């Protein structure tokens, strides 16, 4: 009987522990569990994620694009926790670019800023959605149907 992983090829890419804010590390674990990240998850832009590292890469790419556009906030934090991460050559090249041109001190700082920004945006969208849900609760069934017909015409 084979032990688990005995026949797999070792990865040529280094595994590192990204040190990200403790609250973000916990949030990352919760979100990965919520999204069932171990199976394929398709994001809004069509990107398919299969791991927490994939989520970190995707968020960092969005954040680097925001840095390129000149609108990326930066954050400071005290406590950090390690998040396992595989640094493939494509990610390394993109992140090295961000370190050089956007003056991040390390991959840790880039990932921490990207994840803090992303989860802040998620929280803003959830709050906006909650506000909309509270508004819908104030409508009677007739008013709701009228609004739906007005916005979608065919109902």
Protein backbone atom coordinates (compact mmCIF):
# COMPACT_ATOMS: atom_id res chain seq x y z
CA UNK A 1 0.00 0.00 0.00
CA UNK A 2 1.27 3.43 -0.92
CA UNK A 3 1.54 6.18 1.61
CA UNK A 4 -0.18 9.40 0.72
CA UNK A 5 1.72 11.39 -1.85
CA UNK A 6 4.46 8.81 -2.46
CA UNK A 7 4.11 8.94 -6.21
CA UNK A 8 3.68 12.65 -6.67
CA UNK A 9 6.42 14.75 -8.17
CA UNK A 10 7.98 17.27 -5.84
CA UNK A 11 7.06 20.82 -6.70
CA UNK A 12 9.79 22.84 -8.35
CA UNK A 13 8.29 25.97 -6.83
CA UNK A 14 9.17 26.96 -3.27
CA UNK A 15 6.59 26.84 -0.51
CA UNK A 16 6.77 29.86 1.71
CA UNK A 17 4.76 31.14 4.62
CA UNK A 18 3.37 34.56 3.84
CA UNK A 19 3.10 36.59 7.02
CA UNK A 20 -0.21 38.43 6.80
CA UNK A 21 -2.22 40.29 9.44
CA UNK A 22 -3.67 37.83 11.97
CA UNK A 23 -7.25 38.99 11.36
CA UNK A 24 -6.72 38.54 7.62
CA UNK A 25 -5.26 35.04 8.04
CA UNK A 26 -8.35 34.04 10.02
CA UNK A 27 -10.64 35.67 7.47
CA UNK A 28 -8.82 33.89 4.65
CA UNK A 29 -9.46 30.53 6.31
CA UNK A 30 -13.16 31.36 6.81
CA UNK A 31 -13.63 32.61 3.25
CA UNK A 32 -11.84 29.57 1.80
CA UNK A 33 -14.15 27.32 3.79
CA UNK A 34 -17.23 29.33 2.75
CA UNK A 35 -16.25 29.28 -0.93
CA UNK A 36 -15.38 25.57 -0.79
CA UNK A 37 -12.03 26.58 -2.22
CA UNK A 38 -10.79 22.97 -2.40
CA UNK A 39 -13.11 22.49 -5.36
CA UNK A 40 -13.07 24.76 -8.39
CA UNK A 41 -14.59 28.17 -7.73
CA UNK A 42 -15.18 30.60 -10.59
CA UNK A 43 -14.77 34.27 -9.74
CA UNK A 44 -16.59 37.18 -11.44
CA UNK A 45 -13.81 37.69 -14.00
CA UNK A 46 -13.80 34.01 -14.99
CA UNK A 47 -10.72 33.06 -12.96
CA UNK A 48 -10.97 29.58 -11.47
CA UNK A 49 -9.53 29.12 -8.00
CA UNK A 50 -8.63 25.77 -6.50
CA UNK A 51 -6.69 26.73 -3.37
CA UNK A 52 -6.14 29.41 -0.78
CA UNK A 53 -2.91 30.24 -2.61
CA UNK A 54 -4.96 30.74 -5.78
CA UNK A 55 -7.22 33.17 -3.93
CA UNK A 56 -4.17 35.06 -2.62
CA UNK A 57 -2.68 35.23 -6.15
CA UNK A 58 -5.96 36.46 -7.65
CA UNK A 59 -6.42 39.15 -4.98
CA UNK A 60 -2.79 40.26 -5.29
CA UNK A 61 -3.18 40.55 -9.08
CA UNK A 62 -6.23 42.78 -8.62
CA UNK A 63 -4.34 44.86 -6.07
CA UNK A 64 -1.27 45.21 -8.30
CA UNK A 65 -3.56 46.42 -11.10
CA UNK A 66 -4.98 48.96 -8.67
CA UNK A 67 -1.42 50.03 -7.76
CA UNK A 68 -0.65 50.46 -11.46
CA UNK A 69 -3.70 52.70 -11.78
CA UNK A 70 -2.49 54.76 -8.81
CA UNK A 71 -5.37 54.07 -6.44
CA UNK A 72 -4.19 51.42 -4.01
CA UNK A 73 -4.39 52.10 -0.28
CA UNK A 74 -1.73 50.75 2.06
CA UNK A 75 -2.24 49.43 5.55
CA UNK A 76 -0.25 48.82 8.71
CA UNK A 77 -0.67 45.99 11.17
CA UNK A 78 1.03 44.64 14.25
CA UNK A 79 0.39 40.92 14.55
CA UNK A 80 0.92 38.47 11.71
CA UNK A 81 0.28 34.80 11.07
CA UNK A 82 1.79 32.53 8.44
CA UNK A 83 -0.30 31.43 5.45
CA UNK A 84 1.21 28.59 3.35
CA UNK A 85 1.85 29.71 -0.21
CA UNK A 86 3.53 28.28 -3.30
CA UNK A 87 5.50 30.88 -5.17
CA UNK A 88 5.41 29.87 -8.84
CA UNK A 89 7.50 31.64 -11.46
CA UNK A 90 4.59 33.69 -12.87
CA UNK A 91 3.61 34.93 -9.43
CA UNK A 92 7.21 35.64 -8.48
CA UNK A 93 7.71 37.76 -11.61
CA UNK A 94 4.51 39.73 -11.07
CA UNK A 95 5.18 40.22 -7.37
CA UNK A 96 8.82 41.22 -7.96
CA UNK A 97 7.48 43.84 -10.39
CA UNK A 98 5.13 45.15 -7.66
CA UNK A 99 7.95 45.25 -5.10
CA UNK A 100 10.19 47.21 -7.46
CA UNK A 101 7.69 49.67 -8.90
CA UNK A 102 5.24 50.08 -6.03
CA UNK A 103 7.80 50.03 -3.21
CA UNK A 104 6.60 47.12 -1.12
CA UNK A 105 9.26 45.86 1.26
CA UNK A 106 8.37 42.17 0.87
CA UNK A 107 5.95 39.62 -0.52
CA UNK A 108 4.40 39.60 2.96
CA UNK A 109 3.65 43.32 2.80
CA UNK A 110 2.20 43.01 -0.72
CA UNK A 111 -0.03 40.05 0.21
CA UNK A 112 -1.12 41.63 3.51
CA UNK A 113 -2.08 44.89 1.80
CA UNK A 114 -3.84 43.11 -1.05
CA UNK A 115 -5.88 40.87 1.26
CA UNK A 116 -6.73 43.72 3.64
CA UNK A 117 -7.93 45.82 0.68
CA UNK A 118 -9.91 42.93 -0.83
CA UNK A 119 -11.71 41.91 2.36
CA UNK A 120 -12.51 45.57 3.03
CA UNK A 121 -14.17 45.73 -0.40
CA UNK A 122 -16.06 42.51 0.30
CA UNK A 123 -17.33 43.97 3.57
CA UNK A 124 -18.46 47.16 1.79
CA UNK A 125 -20.41 45.13 -0.77
CA UNK A 126 -22.01 42.98 1.92
CA UNK A 127 -23.03 46.12 3.84
CA UNK A 128 -24.54 47.61 0.67
CA UNK A 129 -26.38 44.37 -0.04
CA UNK A 130 -27.65 44.28 3.54
CA UNK A 131 -28.94 47.83 3.15
CA UNK A 132 -30.81 46.76 0.00
CA UNK A 133 -32.25 43.69 1.76
CA UNK A 134 -33.49 45.90 4.61
CA UNK A 135 -35.14 48.17 2.01
CA UNK A 136 -36.84 45.18 0.35
CA UNK A 137 -38.20 44.07 3.73
CA UNK A 138 -40.09 47.37 3.99
CA UNK A 139 -42.02 46.74 0.77
CA UNK A 140 -45.36 45.01 0.65
CA UNK A 141 -45.69 42.09 -1.80
CA UNK A 142 -47.58 44.36 -4.20
CA UNK A 143 -44.93 47.10 -4.00
CA UNK A 144 -42.19 44.52 -4.53
CA UNK A 145 -43.91 43.10 -7.60
CA UNK A 146 -44.41 46.62 -8.97
CA UNK A 147 -40.69 47.37 -8.50
CA UNK A 148 -39.71 44.10 -10.18
CA UNK A 149 -41.98 44.77 -13.14
CA UNK A 150 -40.65 48.31 -13.43
CA UNK A 151 -37.03 47.11 -13.43
CA UNK A 152 -37.42 43.92 -15.47
CA UNK A 153 -40.49 44.61 -17.60
CA UNK A 154 -41.43 41.01 -18.34
CA UNK A 155 -42.56 39.93 -14.88
